[in-house]
Amino acid sequence: MNPQDLKAVVVGAGWAGEGHTKALQHCGVEVVAICARRQEIVDKVASNLGIAIASTNWEETL
């Protein structure tokens, strides 16, 4: 399986979540959504990293 065949959801938009997202994207994994507790934070990170879905509800995102 190629990394380009994988899709991921990242839970957490702090320094670790943002770092993991960048690493996944660097490897060719498509990060389709990111979740965090505060909508304004997750919106900013999603916008900066080109992620279409930004949510505060991880259960709905999955």
PDB file of N, CA and C in Angstrom:
ATOM      1  N   MET A   1       0.846  -1.175   0.000  1.00  0.00           N
ATOM      2  CA  MET A   1       0.000   0.000   0.000  1.00  0.00           C
ATOM      3  C   MET A   1       0.891   1.238   0.000  1.00  0.00           C
ATOM      4  N   ASN A   2       0.564   2.169  -0.836  1.00  0.00           N
ATOM      5  CA  ASN A   2       1.297   3.433  -0.907  1.00  0.00           C
ATOM      6  C   ASN A   2       0.727   4.431   0.084  1.00  0.00           C
ATOM      7  N   PRO A   3       1.549   5.320   0.639  1.00  0.00           N
ATOM      8  CA  PRO A   3       1.021   6.356   1.531  1.00  0.00           C
ATOM      9  C   PRO A   3      -0.058   7.202   0.860  1.00  0.00           C
ATOM     10  N   GLN A   4       0.017   7.352  -0.464  1.00  0.00           N
ATOM     11  CA  GLN A   4      -0.973   8.153  -1.178  1.00  0.00           C
ATOM     12  C   GLN A   4      -2.353   7.503  -1.143  1.00  0.00           C
ATOM     13  N   ASP A   5      -2.425   6.219  -0.813  1.00  0.00           N
ATOM     14  CA  ASP A   5      -3.694   5.503  -0.715  1.00  0.00           C
ATOM     15  C   ASP A   5      -4.343   5.678   0.654  1.00  0.00           C
ATOM     16  N   LEU A   6      -3.623   6.263   1.604  1.00  0.00           N
ATOM     17  CA  LEU A   6      -4.114   6.393   2.975  1.00  0.00           C
ATOM     18  C   LEU A   6      -4.765   7.744   3.211  1.00  0.00           C
ATOM     19  N   LYS A   7      -5.786   7.729   4.065  1.00  0.00           N
ATOM     20  CA  LYS A   7      -6.428   8.961   4.515  1.00  0.00           C
ATOM     21  C   LYS A   7      -6.428   8.936   6.038  1.00  0.00           C
ATOM     22  N   ALA A   8      -6.360  10.128   6.645  1.00  0.00           N
ATOM     23  CA  ALA A   8      -6.280  10.199   8.100  1.00  0.00           C
ATOM     24  C   ALA A   8      -7.124  11.337   8.647  1.00  0.00           C
ATOM     25  N   VAL A   9      -7.535  11.161   9.897  1.00  0.00           N
ATOM     26  CA  VAL A   9      -8.153  12.214  10.696  1.00  0.00           C
ATOM     27  C   VAL A   9      -7.222  12.430  11.879  1.00  0.00           C
ATOM     28  N   VAL A  10      -6.879  13.673  12.153  1.00  0.00           N
ATOM     29  CA  VAL A  10      -6.007  13.997  13.280  1.00  0.00           C
ATOM     30  C   VAL A  10      -6.859  14.607  14.382  1.00  0.00           C
ATOM     31  N   VAL A  11      -6.717  14.075  15.586  1.00  0.00           N
ATOM     32  CA  VAL A  11      -7.421  14.620  16.747  1.00  0.00           C
ATOM     33  C   VAL A  11      -6.404  15.400  17.558  1.00  0.00           C
ATOM     34  N   GLY A  12      -6.624  16.696  17.643  1.00  0.00           N
ATOM     35  CA  GLY A  12      -5.721  17.600  18.338  1.00  0.00           C
ATOM     36  C   GLY A  12      -5.118  18.587  17.364  1.00  0.00           C
ATOM     37  N   ALA A  13      -5.200  19.864  17.707  1.00  0.00           N
ATOM     38  CA  ALA A  13      -4.676  20.912  16.825  1.00  0.00           C
ATOM     39  C   ALA A  13      -3.617  21.753  17.524  1.00  0.00           C
ATOM     40  N   GLY A  14      -3.061  21.226  18.602  1.00  0.00           N
ATOM     41  CA  GLY A  14      -1.964  21.910  19.279  1.00  0.00           C
ATOM     42  C   GLY A  14      -0.662  21.619  18.555  1.00  0.00           C
ATOM     43  N   TRP A  15       0.455  21.862  19.216  1.00  0.00           N
ATOM     44  CA  TRP A  15       1.748  21.683  18.556  1.00  0.00           C
ATOM     45  C   TRP A  15       1.956  20.246  18.101  1.00  0.00           C
ATOM     46  N   ALA A  16       1.525  19.281  18.890  1.00  0.00           N
ATOM     47  CA  ALA A  16       1.719  17.875  18.510  1.00  0.00           C
ATOM     48  C   ALA A  16       0.811  17.489  17.349  1.00  0.00           C
ATOM     49  N   GLY A  17      -0.454  17.867  17.422  1.00  0.00           N
ATOM     50  CA  GLY A  17      -1.383  17.553  16.336  1.00  0.00           C
ATOM     51  C   GLY A  17      -0.971  18.199  15.033  1.00  0.00           C
ATOM     52  N   GLU A  18      -0.539  19.443  15.117  1.00  0.00           N
ATOM     53  CA  GLU A  18      -0.089  20.149  13.919  1.00  0.00           C
ATOM     54  C   GLU A  18       1.178  19.491  13.362  1.00  0.00           C
ATOM     55  N   GLY A  19       2.080  19.114  14.247  1.00  0.00           N
ATOM     56  CA  GLY A  19       3.304  18.442  13.810  1.00  0.00           C
ATOM     57  C   GLY A  19       3.035  17.088  13.174  1.00  0.00           C
ATOM     58  N   HIS A  20       2.142  16.313  13.779  1.00  0.00           N
ATOM     59  CA  HIS A  20       1.788  15.017  13.203  1.00  0.00           C
ATOM     60  C   HIS A  20       1.113  15.193  11.844  1.00  0.00           C
ATOM     61  N   THR A  21       0.263  16.209  11.735  1.00  0.00           N
ATOM     62  CA  THR A  21      -0.411  16.472  10.463  1.00  0.00           C
ATOM     63  C   THR A  21       0.599  16.789   9.371  1.00  0.00           C
ATOM     64  N   LYS A  22       1.542  17.657   9.676  1.00  0.00           N
ATOM     65  CA  LYS A  22       2.570  18.009   8.691  1.00  0.00           C
ATOM     66  C   LYS A  22       3.385  16.781   8.291  1.00  0.00           C
ATOM     67  N   ALA A  23       3.713  15.932   9.254  1.00  0.00           N
ATOM     68  CA  ALA A  23       4.492  14.725   8.959  1.00  0.00           C
ATOM     69  C   ALA A  23       3.704  13.773   8.064  1.00  0.00           C
ATOM     70  N   LEU A  24       2.434  13.589   8.364  1.00  0.00           N
ATOM     71  CA  LEU A  24       1.595  12.727   7.527  1.00  0.00           C
ATOM     72  C   LEU A  24       1.506  13.263   6.109  1.00  0.00           C
ATOM     73  N   GLN A  25       1.262  14.566   5.980  1.00  0.00           N
ATOM     74  CA  GLN A  25       1.170  15.174   4.659  1.00  0.00           C
ATOM     75  C   GLN A  25       2.493  15.049   3.909  1.00  0.00           C
ATOM     76  N   HIS A  26       3.592  15.217   4.606  1.00  0.00           N
ATOM     77  CA  HIS A  26       4.917  15.097   3.987  1.00  0.00           C
ATOM     78  C   HIS A  26       5.139  13.691   3.418  1.00  0.00           C
ATOM     79  N   CYS A  27       4.568  12.687   4.081  1.00  0.00           N
ATOM     80  CA  CYS A  27       4.703  11.299   3.628  1.00  0.00           C
ATOM     81  C   CYS A  27       3.704  10.939   2.532  1.00  0.00           C
ATOM     82  N   GLY A  28       2.810  11.861   2.195  1.00  0.00           N
ATOM     83  CA  GLY A  28       1.839  11.602   1.140  1.00  0.00           C
ATOM     84  C   GLY A  28       0.486  11.126   1.618  1.00  0.00           C
ATOM     85  N   VAL A  29       0.272  11.086   2.924  1.00  0.00           N
ATOM     86  CA  VAL A  29      -1.027  10.698   3.470  1.00  0.00           C
ATOM     87  C   VAL A  29      -1.973  11.887   3.360  1.00  0.00           C
ATOM     88  N   GLU A  30      -3.201  11.638   2.902  1.00  0.00           N
ATOM     89  CA  GLU A  30      -4.196  12.709   2.810  1.00  0.00           C
ATOM     90  C   GLU A  30      -4.882  12.878   4.169  1.00  0.00           C
ATOM     91  N   VAL A  31      -4.674  14.006   4.813  1.00  0.00           N
ATOM     92  CA  VAL A  31      -5.363  14.314   6.064  1.00  0.00           C
ATOM     93  C   VAL A  31      -6.678  14.979   5.676  1.00  0.00           C
ATOM     94  N   VAL A  32      -7.778  14.264   5.894  1.00  0.00           N
ATOM     95  CA  VAL A  32      -9.083  14.741   5.427  1.00  0.00           C
ATOM     96  C   VAL A  32      -9.804  15.592   6.459  1.00  0.00           C
ATOM     97  N   ALA A  33      -9.415  15.473   7.729  1.00  0.00           N
ATOM     98  CA  ALA A  33     -10.079  16.247   8.778  1.00  0.00           C
ATOM     99  C   ALA A  33      -9.162  16.388   9.979  1.00  0.00           C
ATOM    100  N   ILE A  34      -9.434  17.438  10.754  1.00  0.00           N
ATOM    101  CA  ILE A  34      -8.723  17.657  12.010  1.00  0.00           C
ATOM    102  C   ILE A  34      -9.742  18.099  13.052  1.00  0.00           C
ATOM    103  N   CYS A  35      -9.575  17.618  14.266  1.00  0.00           N
ATOM    104  CA  CYS A  35     -10.506  17.921  15.358  1.00  0.00           C
ATOM    105  C   CYS A  35      -9.757  18.521  16.538  1.00  0.00           C
ATOM    106  N   ALA A  36     -10.430  19.402  17.253  1.00  0.00           N
ATOM    107  CA  ALA A  36      -9.884  19.980  18.481  1.00  0.00           C
ATOM    108  C   ALA A  36     -11.040  20.484  19.334  1.00  0.00           C
ATOM    109  N   ARG A  37     -10.738  20.877  20.556  1.00  0.00           N
ATOM    110  CA  ARG A  37     -11.784  21.350  21.466  1.00  0.00           C
ATOM    111  C   ARG A  37     -12.353  22.707  21.086  1.00  0.00           C
ATOM    112  N   ARG A  38     -11.500  23.592  20.569  1.00  0.00           N
ATOM    113  CA  ARG A  38     -11.936  24.963  20.280  1.00  0.00           C
ATOM    114  C   ARG A  38     -12.006  25.191  18.776  1.00  0.00           C
ATOM    115  N   GLN A  39     -13.193  25.577  18.309  1.00  0.00           N
ATOM    116  CA  GLN A  39     -13.424  25.724  16.875  1.00  0.00           C
ATOM    117  C   GLN A  39     -12.495  26.747  16.234  1.00  0.00           C
ATOM    118  N   GLU A  40     -12.236  27.868  16.922  1.00  0.00           N
ATOM    119  CA  GLU A  40     -11.395  28.902  16.317  1.00  0.00           C
ATOM    120  C   GLU A  40      -9.961  28.412  16.098  1.00  0.00           C
ATOM    121  N   ILE A  41      -9.482  27.562  16.988  1.00  0.00           N
ATOM    122  CA  ILE A  41      -8.132  27.005  16.844  1.00  0.00           C
ATOM    123  C   ILE A  41      -8.086  26.003  15.698  1.00  0.00           C
ATOM    124  N   VAL A  42      -9.025  25.093  15.673  1.00  0.00           N
ATOM    125  CA  VAL A  42      -9.023  24.056  14.639  1.00  0.00           C
ATOM    126  C   VAL A  42      -9.280  24.658  13.257  1.00  0.00           C
ATOM    127  N   ASP A  43     -10.085  25.709  13.184  1.00  0.00           N
ATOM    128  CA  ASP A  43     -10.309  26.387  11.900  1.00  0.00           C
ATOM    129  C   ASP A  43      -9.010  26.983  11.368  1.00  0.00           C
ATOM    130  N   LYS A  44      -8.249  27.603  12.252  1.00  0.00           N
ATOM    131  CA  LYS A  44      -6.991  28.234  11.849  1.00  0.00           C
ATOM    132  C   LYS A  44      -5.984  27.194  11.362  1.00  0.00           C
ATOM    133  N   VAL A  45      -5.830  26.121  12.105  1.00  0.00           N
ATOM    134  CA  VAL A  45      -4.878  25.078  11.732  1.00  0.00           C
ATOM    135  C   VAL A  45      -5.304  24.414  10.421  1.00  0.00           C
ATOM    136  N   ALA A  46      -6.586  24.109  10.289  1.00  0.00           N
ATOM    137  CA  ALA A  46      -7.078  23.483   9.057  1.00  0.00           C
ATOM    138  C   ALA A  46      -6.831  24.380   7.856  1.00  0.00           C
ATOM    139  N   SER A  47      -7.079  25.658   8.014  1.00  0.00           N
ATOM    140  CA  SER A  47      -6.855  26.606   6.923  1.00  0.00           C
ATOM    141  C   SER A  47      -5.377  26.671   6.548  1.00  0.00           C
ATOM    142  N   ASN A  48      -4.515  26.734   7.549  1.00  0.00           N
ATOM    143  CA  ASN A  48      -3.069  26.814   7.302  1.00  0.00           C
ATOM    144  C   ASN A  48      -2.512  25.566   6.618  1.00  0.00           C
ATOM    145  N   LEU A  49      -3.121  24.409   6.895  1.00  0.00           N
ATOM    146  CA  LEU A  49      -2.592  23.146   6.376  1.00  0.00           C
ATOM    147  C   LEU A  49      -3.399  22.587   5.206  1.00  0.00           C
ATOM    148  N   GLY A  50      -4.418  23.313   4.762  1.00  0.00           N
ATOM    149  CA  GLY A  50      -5.200  22.873   3.607  1.00  0.00           C
ATOM    150  C   GLY A  50      -6.094  21.675   3.874  1.00  0.00           C
ATOM    151  N   ILE A  51      -6.668  21.625   5.069  1.00  0.00           N
ATOM    152  CA  ILE A  51      -7.553  20.522   5.441  1.00  0.00           C
ATOM    153  C   ILE A  51      -8.993  21.008   5.337  1.00  0.00           C
ATOM    154  N   ALA A  52      -9.826  20.244   4.629  1.00  0.00           N
ATOM    155  CA  ALA A  52     -11.188  20.682   4.325  1.00  0.00           C
ATOM    156  C   ALA A  52     -12.126  20.664   5.532  1.00  0.00           C
ATOM    157  N   ILE A  53     -11.969  19.692   6.420  1.00  0.00           N
ATOM    158  CA  ILE A  53     -12.911  19.531   7.530  1.00  0.00           C
ATOM    159  C   ILE A  53     -12.220  19.888   8.843  1.00  0.00           C
ATOM    160  N   ALA A  54     -12.814  20.845   9.564  1.00  0.00           N
ATOM    161  CA  ALA A  54     -12.336  21.252  10.889  1.00  0.00           C
ATOM    162  C   ALA A  54     -13.506  21.110  11.849  1.00  0.00           C
ATOM    163  N   SER A  55     -13.340  20.327  12.892  1.00  0.00           N
ATOM    164  CA  SER A  55     -14.466  20.004  13.760  1.00  0.00           C
ATOM    165  C   SER A  55     -14.055  19.992  15.226  1.00  0.00           C
ATOM    166  N   THR A  56     -15.054  20.103  16.087  1.00  0.00           N
ATOM    167  CA  THR A  56     -14.833  19.929  17.520  1.00  0.00           C
ATOM    168  C   THR A  56     -15.433  18.609  18.004  1.00  0.00           C
ATOM    169  N   ASN A  57     -15.996  17.829  17.090  1.00  0.00           N
ATOM    170  CA  ASN A  57     -16.629  16.566  17.462  1.00  0.00           C
ATOM    171  C   ASN A  57     -15.952  15.415  16.716  1.00  0.00           C
ATOM    172  N   TRP A  58     -15.059  14.724  17.393  1.00  0.00           N
ATOM    173  CA  TRP A  58     -14.310  13.654  16.734  1.00  0.00           C
ATOM    174  C   TRP A  58     -15.202  12.490  16.329  1.00  0.00           C
ATOM    175  N   GLU A  59     -16.257  12.230  17.099  1.00  0.00           N
ATOM    176  CA  GLU A  59     -17.144  11.114  16.771  1.00  0.00           C
ATOM    177  C   GLU A  59     -17.869  11.350  15.451  1.00  0.00           C
ATOM    178  N   GLU A  60     -18.363  12.561  15.244  1.00  0.00           N
ATOM    179  CA  GLU A  60     -19.034  12.880  13.984  1.00  0.00           C
ATOM    180  C   GLU A  60     -18.043  12.874  12.823  1.00  0.00           C
ATOM    181  N   THR A  61     -16.837  13.311  13.074  1.00  0.00           N
ATOM    182  CA  THR A  61     -15.826  13.366  12.023  1.00  0.00           C
ATOM    183  C   THR A  61     -15.482  11.972  11.517  1.00  0.00           C
ATOM    184  N   LEU A  62     -15.392  11.013  12.434  1.00  0.00           N
ATOM    185  CA  LEU A  62     -15.087   9.638  12.019  1.00  0.00           C
ATOM    186  C   LEU A  62     -16.252   9.042  11.281  1.00  0.00           C
TER     187      LEU A  62
END
